[in-house]
Structure formats: structure tokens, C-alpha cells
C-alpha atoms as a PDB file:
ATOM      1  CA  MET A   1      58.736 102.962 103.507  1.00  0.00           C
ATOM      2  CA  HIS A   2      55.925 102.089 105.827  1.00  0.00           C
ATOM      3  CA  ARG A   3      53.718 103.208 102.878  1.00  0.00           C
ATOM      4  CA  PHE A   4      54.537  99.955 101.587  1.00  0.00           C
ATOM      5  CA  ALA A   5      53.971  97.686 104.868  1.00  0.00           C
ATOM      6  CA  ASN A   6      50.586  96.852 103.532  1.00  0.00           C
ATOM      7  CA  PRO A   7      51.286  93.521 101.170  1.00  0.00           C
ATOM      8  CA  ALA A   8      48.934  93.871  98.705  1.00  0.00           C
ATOM      9  CA  ARG A   9      49.847  97.919  98.333  1.00  0.00           C
ATOM     10  CA  PHE A  10      53.429  96.439  97.554  1.00  0.00           C
ATOM     11  CA  LEU A  11      52.207  94.057  95.380  1.00  0.00           C
ATOM     12  CA  LYS A  12      50.055  96.509  93.279  1.00  0.00           C
ATOM     13  CA  ILE A  13      53.599  98.260  92.759  1.00  0.00           C
ATOM     14  CA  ALA A  14      55.705  95.238  92.413  1.00  0.00           C
ATOM     15  CA  ARG A  15      53.537  93.396  89.845  1.00  0.00           C
ATOM     16  CA  PRO A  16      54.617  95.843  86.911  1.00  0.00           C
ATOM     17  CA  LEU A  17      57.851  96.782  88.169  1.00  0.00           C
ATOM     18  CA  THR A  18      59.009  93.273  88.010  1.00  0.00           C
ATOM     19  CA  GLY A  19      58.566  92.997  83.887  1.00  0.00           C
ATOM     20  CA  TRP A  20      60.083  96.263  83.455  1.00  0.00           C
ATOM     21  CA  LEU A  21      63.192  95.839  85.152  1.00  0.00           C
ATOM     22  CA  PHE A  22      63.397  92.147  84.172  1.00  0.00           C
ATOM     23  CA  TRP A  23      63.483  93.063  80.222  1.00  0.00           C
ATOM     24  CA  SER A  24      65.327  96.799  80.346  1.00  0.00           C
ATOM     25  CA  GLY A  25      68.013  94.937  82.162  1.00  0.00           C
ATOM     26  CA  LEU A  26      68.430  91.743  79.943  1.00  0.00           C
ATOM     27  CA  SER A  27      68.243  94.187  77.104  1.00  0.00           C
ATOM     28  CA  LEU A  28      71.206  96.003  78.847  1.00  0.00           C
ATOM     29  CA  LEU A  29      73.124  93.385  79.962  1.00  0.00           C
ATOM     30  CA  LEU A  30      72.804  91.738  76.223  1.00  0.00           C
ATOM     31  CA  ALA A  31      73.851  94.501  74.398  1.00  0.00           C
ATOM     32  CA  GLY A  32      76.960  95.297  77.376  1.00  0.00           C
ATOM     33  CA  CYS A  33      77.955  91.723  77.034  1.00  0.00           C
ATOM     34  CA  ILE A  34      77.727  91.490  72.790  1.00  0.00           C
ATOM     35  CA  CYS A  35      79.902  95.107  72.725  1.00  0.00           C
ATOM     36  CA  GLY A  36      82.087  93.620  75.103  1.00  0.00           C
ATOM     37  CA  LEU A  37      83.007  90.547  73.424  1.00  0.00           C
ATOM     38  CA  PHE A  38      82.998  91.652  69.439  1.00  0.00           C
ATOM     39  CA  VAL A  39      83.441  95.233  69.436  1.00  0.00           C
ATOM     40  CA  THR A  40      85.852  96.639  72.326  1.00  0.00           C
ATOM     41  CA  PRO A  41      89.763  95.829  71.344  1.00  0.00           C
ATOM     42  CA  ALA A  42      91.796  93.330  73.207  1.00  0.00           C
ATOM     43  CA  ASP A  43      93.806  94.494  76.157  1.00  0.00           C
ATOM     44  CA  TYR A  44      97.588  95.145  75.154  1.00  0.00           C
ATOM     45  CA  LEU A  45      98.473  93.122  78.063  1.00  0.00           C
ATOM     46  CA  GLN A  46      95.442  90.590  78.932  1.00  0.00           C
ATOM     47  CA  GLY A  47      94.552  90.151  75.599  1.00  0.00           C
ATOM     48  CA  GLN A  48      91.180  88.262  75.477  1.00  0.00           C
ATOM     49  CA  THR A  49      90.757  87.633  78.772  1.00  0.00           C
ATOM     50  CA  VAL A  50      89.995  90.919  80.002  1.00  0.00           C
ATOM     51  CA  ARG A  51      86.403  90.251  78.461  1.00  0.00           C
ATOM     52  CA  ILE A  52      85.466  88.583  81.644  1.00  0.00           C
ATOM     53  CA  LEU A  53      85.555  92.130  83.090  1.00  0.00           C
ATOM     54  CA  TYR A  54      81.683  92.479  81.971  1.00  0.00           C
ATOM     55  CA  ILE A  55      80.851  89.628  83.753  1.00  0.00           C
ATOM     56  CA  HIS A  56      83.090  89.611  87.065  1.00  0.00           C
ATOM     57  CA  VAL A  57      82.654  93.141  87.648  1.00  0.00           C
ATOM     58  CA  PRO A  58      78.825  93.382  88.179  1.00  0.00           C
ATOM     59  CA  ALA A  59      78.722  89.977  89.634  1.00  0.00           C
ATOM     60  CA  ALA A  60      81.146  91.062  92.324  1.00  0.00           C
ATOM     61  CA  TRP A  61      78.980  94.691  92.950  1.00  0.00           C
ATOM     62  CA  LEU A  62      75.872  92.843  93.658  1.00  0.00           C
ATOM     63  CA  GLY A  63      77.227  90.357  95.621  1.00  0.00           C
ATOM     64  CA  MET A  64      78.053  93.381  97.908  1.00  0.00           C
ATOM     65  CA  ALA A  65      75.611  95.141  97.088  1.00  0.00           C
ATOM     66  CA  GLY A  66      73.369  92.438  98.225  1.00  0.00           C
ATOM     67  CA  TRP A  67      74.541  91.860 101.229  1.00  0.00           C
ATOM     68  CA  THR A  68      74.474  95.623 102.207  1.00  0.00           C
ATOM     69  CA  GLY A  69      70.531  95.212 101.088  1.00  0.00           C
ATOM     70  CA  ILE A  70      70.616  92.318 103.383  1.00  0.00           C
ATOM     71  CA  ALA A  71      71.753  94.310 106.694  1.00  0.00           C
ATOM     72  CA  VAL A  72      69.444  97.265 105.471  1.00  0.00           C
ATOM     73  CA  SER A  73      66.505  94.808 105.778  1.00  0.00           C
ATOM     74  CA  ALA A  74      67.841  93.603 108.810  1.00  0.00           C
ATOM     75  CA  LEU A  75      67.864  96.818 110.271  1.00  0.00           C
ATOM     76  CA  MET A  76      64.470  97.813 109.721  1.00  0.00           C
ATOM     77  CA  GLN A  77      63.191  94.630 110.900  1.00  0.00           C
ATOM     78  CA  LEU A  78      65.139  95.134 114.132  1.00  0.00           C
ATOM     79  CA  VAL A  79      64.265  98.726 114.848  1.00  0.00           C
ATOM     80  CA  TRP A  80      61.532  99.532 113.283  1.00  0.00           C
ATOM     81  CA  ARG A  81      59.400  96.134 112.869  1.00  0.00           C
ATOM     82  CA  HIS A  82      58.472  96.894 108.862  1.00  0.00           C
ATOM     83  CA  PRO A  83      56.136  94.022 108.047  1.00  0.00           C
ATOM     84  CA  LEU A  84      58.592  93.315 104.730  1.00  0.00           C
ATOM     85  CA  ALA A  85      62.012  93.562 105.784  1.00  0.00           C
ATOM     86  CA  ALA A  86      62.268  89.983 106.689  1.00  0.00           C
ATOM     87  CA  VAL A  87      60.872  88.768 102.961  1.00  0.00           C
ATOM     88  CA  ALA A  88      63.194  91.426 101.464  1.00  0.00           C
ATOM     89  CA  GLY A  89      66.064  89.639 103.145  1.00  0.00           C
ATOM     90  CA  ARG A  90      64.913  86.330 102.504  1.00  0.00           C
ATOM     91  CA  ALA A  91      64.104  87.324  98.703  1.00  0.00           C
ATOM     92  CA  ILE A  92      68.031  88.808  98.471  1.00  0.00           C
ATOM     93  CA  ALA A  93      70.126  86.037  99.956  1.00  0.00           C
ATOM     94  CA  ALA A  94      69.989  83.536  97.040  1.00  0.00           C
ATOM     95  CA  PRO A  95      70.272  85.737  94.014  1.00  0.00           C
ATOM     96  CA  GLY A  96      73.315  87.586  96.358  1.00  0.00           C
ATOM     97  CA  ALA A  97      74.922  84.304  96.879  1.00  0.00           C
ATOM     98  CA  LEU A  98      74.471  83.494  93.400  1.00  0.00           C
ATOM     99  CA  PHE A  99      76.194  86.725  92.181  1.00  0.00           C
ATOM    100  CA  THR A 100      78.813  86.280  94.772  1.00  0.00           C
ATOM    101  CA  ALA A 101      79.399  82.496  93.440  1.00  0.00           C
ATOM    102  CA  ILE A 102      79.680  84.193  89.956  1.00  0.00           C
ATOM    103  CA  CYS A 103      82.329  86.477  91.124  1.00  0.00           C
ATOM    104  CA  LEU A 104      84.255  83.685  92.408  1.00  0.00           C
ATOM    105  CA  ALA A 105      84.433  81.342  89.319  1.00  0.00           C
ATOM    106  CA  THR A 106      84.989  84.145  87.038  1.00  0.00           C
ATOM    107  CA  GLY A 107      88.006  85.962  88.664  1.00  0.00           C
ATOM    108  CA  SER A 108      89.483  82.230  89.261  1.00  0.00           C
ATOM    109  CA  ILE A 109      89.236  81.451  85.396  1.00  0.00           C
ATOM    110  CA  TRP A 110      90.474  85.174  85.241  1.00  0.00           C
ATOM    111  CA  GLY A 111      93.256  84.975  87.301  1.00  0.00           C
ATOM    112  CA  ARG A 112      94.734  81.423  85.683  1.00  0.00           C
ATOM    113  CA  PRO A 113      96.209  83.272  82.638  1.00  0.00           C
ATOM    114  CA  THR A 114      96.814  86.504  84.237  1.00  0.00           C
ATOM    115  CA  TRP A 115      98.295  85.309  87.322  1.00  0.00           C
ATOM    116  CA  GLY A 116      99.643  81.790  86.826  1.00  0.00           C
ATOM    117  CA  THR A 117      97.030  80.194  89.358  1.00  0.00           C
ATOM    118  CA  TRP A 118      93.027  80.030  89.654  1.00  0.00           C
ATOM    119  CA  TRP A 119      93.117  80.593  93.607  1.00  0.00           C
ATOM    120  CA  GLU A 120      95.193  82.654  95.920  1.00  0.00           C
ATOM    121  CA  TRP A 121      94.324  83.244  99.583  1.00  0.00           C
ATOM    122  CA  ASP A 122      94.859  86.886  99.554  1.00  0.00           C
ATOM    123  CA  GLY A 123      92.744  89.976 101.352  1.00  0.00           C
ATOM    124  CA  ARG A 124      90.054  90.228  98.223  1.00  0.00           C
ATOM    125  CA  MET A 125      89.962  86.638  97.151  1.00  0.00           C
ATOM    126  CA  THR A 126      89.578  85.201 100.999  1.00  0.00           C
ATOM    127  CA  SER A 127      87.050  87.920 102.045  1.00  0.00           C
ATOM    128  CA  MET A 128      84.736  86.788  98.747  1.00  0.00           C
ATOM    129  CA  LEU A 129      84.684  83.768  99.653  1.00  0.00           C
ATOM    130  CA  VAL A 130      83.825  84.791 103.278  1.00  0.00           C
ATOM    131  CA  LEU A 131      80.895  86.482 101.819  1.00  0.00           C
ATOM    132  CA  LEU A 132      79.325  83.320  99.751  1.00  0.00           C
ATOM    133  CA  PHE A 133      79.628  81.238 103.433  1.00  0.00           C
ATOM    134  CA  LEU A 134      77.601  84.058 105.139  1.00  0.00           C
ATOM    135  CA  TYR A 135      75.012  83.751 102.350  1.00  0.00           C
ATOM    136  CA  LEU A 136      75.136  80.353 102.833  1.00  0.00           C
ATOM    137  CA  GLY A 137      74.678  80.691 106.726  1.00  0.00           C
ATOM    138  CA  TYR A 138      71.881  83.555 106.057  1.00  0.00           C
ATOM    139  CA  ILE A 139      70.275  80.942 103.813  1.00  0.00           C
ATOM    140  CA  ALA A 140      70.001  77.983 106.193  1.00  0.00           C
ATOM    141  CA  LEU A 141      69.243  80.600 109.305  1.00  0.00           C
ATOM    142  CA  ALA A 142      66.463  81.900 107.042  1.00  0.00           C
ATOM    143  CA  ASN A 143      64.959  78.343 106.025  1.00  0.00           C
ATOM    144  CA  ALA A 144      65.453  77.316 109.752  1.00  0.00           C
ATOM    145  CA  SER A 145      63.243  79.582 111.136  1.00  0.00           C
ATOM    146  CA  ALA A 146      60.579  79.413 108.054  1.00  0.00           C
ATOM    147  CA  ARG A 147      60.189  76.276 109.201  1.00  0.00           C
ATOM    148  CA  GLN A 148      59.782  77.084 112.730  1.00  0.00           C
ATOM    149  CA  GLY A 149      57.294  80.186 111.845  1.00  0.00           C
ATOM    150  CA  ALA A 150      58.886  82.738 112.728  1.00  0.00           C
ATOM    151  CA  GLY A 151      56.989  86.198 112.238  1.00  0.00           C
ATOM    152  CA  GLN A 152      55.499  87.276 108.566  1.00  0.00           C
ATOM    153  CA  GLY A 153      58.179  85.952 105.436  1.00  0.00           C
ATOM    154  CA  GLY A 154      59.556  83.321 108.399  1.00  0.00           C
ATOM    155  CA  VAL A 155      62.601  85.106 109.047  1.00  0.00           C
ATOM    156  CA  SER A 156      63.812  85.517 112.766  1.00  0.00           C
ATOM    157  CA  ASN A 157      65.056  88.196 114.872  1.00  0.00           C
ATOM    158  CA  VAL A 158      68.647  85.941 114.927  1.00  0.00           C
ATOM    159  CA  THR A 159      68.407  85.607 111.196  1.00  0.00           C
ATOM    160  CA  ALA A 160      68.225  89.443 111.170  1.00  0.00           C
ATOM    161  CA  ILE A 161      71.198  90.004 113.694  1.00  0.00           C
ATOM    162  CA  PHE A 162      72.918  87.593 112.017  1.00  0.00           C
ATOM    163  CA  GLY A 163      72.951  89.730 108.645  1.00  0.00           C
ATOM    164  CA  LEU A 164      73.849  92.953 110.449  1.00  0.00           C
ATOM    165  CA  VAL A 165      77.304  91.160 112.269  1.00  0.00           C
ATOM    166  CA  GLY A 166      78.114  89.850 108.074  1.00  0.00           C
ATOM    167  CA  ALA A 167      78.081  93.710 107.210  1.00  0.00           C
ATOM    168  CA  ILE A 168      81.149  93.891 108.726  1.00  0.00           C
ATOM    169  CA  ASN A 169      82.448  91.680 106.073  1.00  0.00           C
ATOM    170  CA  ILE A 170      82.070  94.743 103.161  1.00  0.00           C
ATOM    171  CA  PRO A 171      84.126  96.985 103.960  1.00  0.00           C
ATOM    172  CA  ILE A 172      86.550  94.679 104.246  1.00  0.00           C
ATOM    173  CA  ILE A 173      86.043  93.221 100.539  1.00  0.00           C
ATOM    174  CA  ASN A 174      86.200  96.682  99.488  1.00  0.00           C
ATOM    175  CA  ARG A 175      89.339  98.041 101.197  1.00  0.00           C
ATOM    176  CA  SER A 176      91.346  94.492 101.202  1.00  0.00           C
ATOM    177  CA  VAL A 177      93.238  95.307  98.164  1.00  0.00           C
ATOM    178  CA  VAL A 178      94.408  98.826  99.720  1.00  0.00           C
ATOM    179  CA  TRP A 179      95.238  97.286 103.109  1.00  0.00           C
ATOM    180  CA  TRP A 180      96.818  93.947 101.765  1.00  0.00           C
ATOM    181  CA  ASN A 181      99.425  93.007  99.559  1.00  0.00           C
ATOM    182  CA  SER A 182      97.455  91.473  96.746  1.00  0.00           C
ATOM    183  CA  LEU A 183      97.724  89.711  93.519  1.00  0.00           C
ATOM    184  CA  HIS A 184      94.270  91.067  93.079  1.00  0.00           C
ATOM    185  CA  GLN A 185      94.703  94.581  91.317  1.00  0.00           C
ATOM    186  CA  GLY A 186      94.042  97.810  93.142  1.00  0.00           C
ATOM    187  CA  PRO A 187      90.864  99.940  92.840  1.00  0.00           C
ATOM    188  CA  SER A 188      90.453 100.770  89.151  1.00  0.00           C
ATOM    189  CA  ILE A 189      87.312 102.936  89.392  1.00  0.00           C
ATOM    190  CA  THR A 190      87.092 105.461  92.053  1.00  0.00           C
ATOM    191  CA  LEU A 191      85.254 109.061  92.167  1.00  0.00           C
ATOM    192  CA  ARG A 192      88.561 110.500  90.871  1.00  0.00           C
ATOM    193  CA  GLY A 193      88.128 108.300  87.618  1.00  0.00           C
ATOM    194  CA  SER A 194      89.154 105.041  86.314  1.00  0.00           C
ATOM    195  CA  SER A 195      92.212 103.411  85.478  1.00  0.00           C
ATOM    196  CA  ILE A 196      90.413 101.489  82.804  1.00  0.00           C
ATOM    197  CA  ASP A 197      90.607 102.517  79.166  1.00  0.00           C
ATOM    198  CA  MET A 198      87.526 104.147  77.839  1.00  0.00           C
ATOM    199  CA  ALA A 199      87.514 101.846  74.853  1.00  0.00           C
ATOM    200  CA  LEU A 200      87.056  98.977  77.285  1.00  0.00           C
ATOM    201  CA  LEU A 201      85.051 100.782  80.208  1.00  0.00           C
ATOM    202  CA  TRP A 202      81.821 101.735  78.356  1.00  0.00           C
ATOM    203  CA  PRO A 203      80.056  98.220  78.026  1.00  0.00           C
ATOM    204  CA  LEU A 204      80.613  97.711  81.368  1.00  0.00           C
ATOM    205  CA  GLY A 205      78.285 100.526  82.066  1.00  0.00           C
ATOM    206  CA  LEU A 206      75.498  98.456  80.041  1.00  0.00           C
ATOM    207  CA  THR A 207      76.520  95.032  82.409  1.00  0.00           C
ATOM    208  CA  LEU A 208      76.594  96.736  85.366  1.00  0.00           C
ATOM    209  CA  LEU A 209      73.062  98.483  84.981  1.00  0.00           C
ATOM    210  CA  GLY A 210      71.781  95.300  83.400  1.00  0.00           C
ATOM    211  CA  PHE A 211      72.704  93.170  85.703  1.00  0.00           C
ATOM    212  CA  SER A 212      71.407  95.411  88.561  1.00  0.00           C
ATOM    213  CA  LEU A 213      68.163  96.158  86.856  1.00  0.00           C
ATOM    214  CA  TRP A 214      67.739  91.716  86.838  1.00  0.00           C
ATOM    215  CA  PHE A 215      68.678  91.580  89.931  1.00  0.00           C
ATOM    216  CA  GLY A 216      66.284  93.994  91.379  1.00  0.00           C
ATOM    217  CA  ALA A 217      63.561  91.771  89.279  1.00  0.00           C
ATOM    218  CA  ILE A 218      64.667  88.792  90.898  1.00  0.00           C
ATOM    219  CA  VAL A 219      63.763  89.998  94.273  1.00  0.00           C
ATOM    220  CA  LEU A 220      61.078  91.218  93.570  1.00  0.00           C
ATOM    221  CA  MET A 221      59.692  87.953  91.894  1.00  0.00           C
ATOM    222  CA  ARG A 222      61.197  86.027  95.217  1.00  0.00           C
ATOM    223  CA  MET A 223      59.155  88.701  97.326  1.00  0.00           C
ATOM    224  CA  ARG A 224      55.953  87.685  95.435  1.00  0.00           C
ATOM    225  CA  ALA A 225      56.430  84.262  95.542  1.00  0.00           C
ATOM    226  CA  ILE A 226      57.536  84.329  99.445  1.00  0.00           C
ATOM    227  CA  LEU A 227      54.067  86.707 100.275  1.00  0.00           C
ATOM    228  CA  ALA A 228      52.291  84.151  98.200  1.00  0.00           C
ATOM    229  CA  GLN A 229      53.532  81.482 100.132  1.00  0.00           C
ATOM    230  CA  ASN A 230      52.501  83.196 103.245  1.00  0.00           C
ATOM    231  CA  LYS A 231      49.109  83.648 101.963  1.00  0.00           C
ATOM    232  CA  VAL A 232      48.648  79.839 101.223  1.00  0.00           C
ATOM    233  CA  GLU A 233      49.584  78.829 104.362  1.00  0.00           C
ATOM    234  CA  ALA A 234      47.962  81.392 106.393  1.00  0.00           C
ATOM    235  CA  ARG A 235      44.760  80.146 104.251  1.00  0.00           C
ATOM    236  CA  MET A 236      45.879  76.336 105.128  1.00  0.00           C
ATOM    237  CA  GLN A 237      46.147  77.412 109.086  1.00  0.00           C
ATOM    238  CA  ARG A 238      42.863  78.621 108.742  1.00  0.00           C
ATOM    239  CA  LEU A 239      41.258  75.928 107.460  1.00  0.00           C
ATOM    240  CA  ALA A 240      42.616  73.548 109.566  1.00  0.00           C
ATOM    241  CA  ARG A 241      41.373  75.400 112.743  1.00  0.00           C
ATOM    242  CA  GLY A 242      38.064  75.458 111.174  1.00  0.00           C
END
């Protein structure tokens, strides 16, 4: 990974990759959403509300994957001092928070006709809400350290440690429906197979891959923007000293 520690080398790869990820992801997620809305049948129990699945599941996956990315970036910053690790952490935080909020909103909309309530303080929903608060806390810490000029990308070691500690919540989210009694259904997709009928499942693969590629494009765009801002700030400081 230290091959890409040089921002110029990273940008040389990130510029073309951003467009490829963005348009490929957009095509796949639109195809998946269209198929999920107009091609797949309604569920025999949940009816048309099951179609929220094609947004809700990718949003939940990316909310958790985003914080996992923050934890990996924090580890690389603290242990290996990778110059772009702090930039990556900052870049992931905002889209990660957005997809976590989308997960909570779509889950609430789905839960109202299915469970008869907009919200229930069970393990899965509460731990996802905690994840959203963790994202907001990380963003606040990152912004505060950026104003203080803490390192390349403006992320302090305190922010990185917060990212690592917050990763404890990821396995809690994943196993919450197994550990505690919950209104939320149990694991639907595991290594042993899926409890979702294939007639409903196949568009989910398109939206899951599409949103993941889109997420990657957003992160690369944000990393490029942060690096450009750092370059401008460094130039302004040189001019001010001159």
C-alpha cells in the first residue's frame, strides 16, 4: 500500500477509476432498482413493501463497511503512518453516515406496515442508530482536528483511535438478531445460502454491487477533493511566509 503513499501516484490511478466506478455503479443500481420495482413479484406475506429490500440492504451493508474502512484507515495511520490513511478516513465518513441514515429511514418505513410500528428499541435498530452517532462524532472530531491542522488530511491520532474503538459496534450490529430477541428478522443471507426466494433475490445483487461501486467512487472523489484542498492550503501558507 505504500506504493500509493505519494499523492501524485494515487491521483494518477484515482482519476480514471473514479469515473469507471461511478458510471458502472450507477448503471447497476438503476438496473437493480428497475428490476426490483417492475420485474420481481410481490412477496406473499409482505406484498409490495418487500421492494424496500433493494435499497435497505445495500445501505445497511455500506454503513457497516464504511466504518470498517475507517477502522482499517485508522490502523494504517497509527501503526504504519501511511500518508493517505487519514485522508481516506475523512473521505469515508460522510458517505458512510449517509448510507447509515438511509438504512435507518428505509427500515423504519418498512417496519411500519410489517411490524405495526415506526421504531422499536431492539438490538439491530439501536446498534445501527449508535453507528450513525459514531459517524457524526467521527466527522466532528475530524473537522475539529482539520481546523487545528493535525497532519496531512487534517485527522488527528485521537480521531483515528475513535475510529478503531467504534469498530466494536460492527460485530454487535451483525450478531444482534442472533444474540437478542428482536422484531428484526434473523440473518437472511449467510455462507450456507439464503432464505430469500431467488425470484426476489437476484436484483439485490445488482443494487448491492452498484451501490458499493458508487460508494467507492464517492470516497475517491472526496479523497481527491481533500488532497486538492491540502495543496491549496500549503500554497497559501508558503505565500504568506514569503
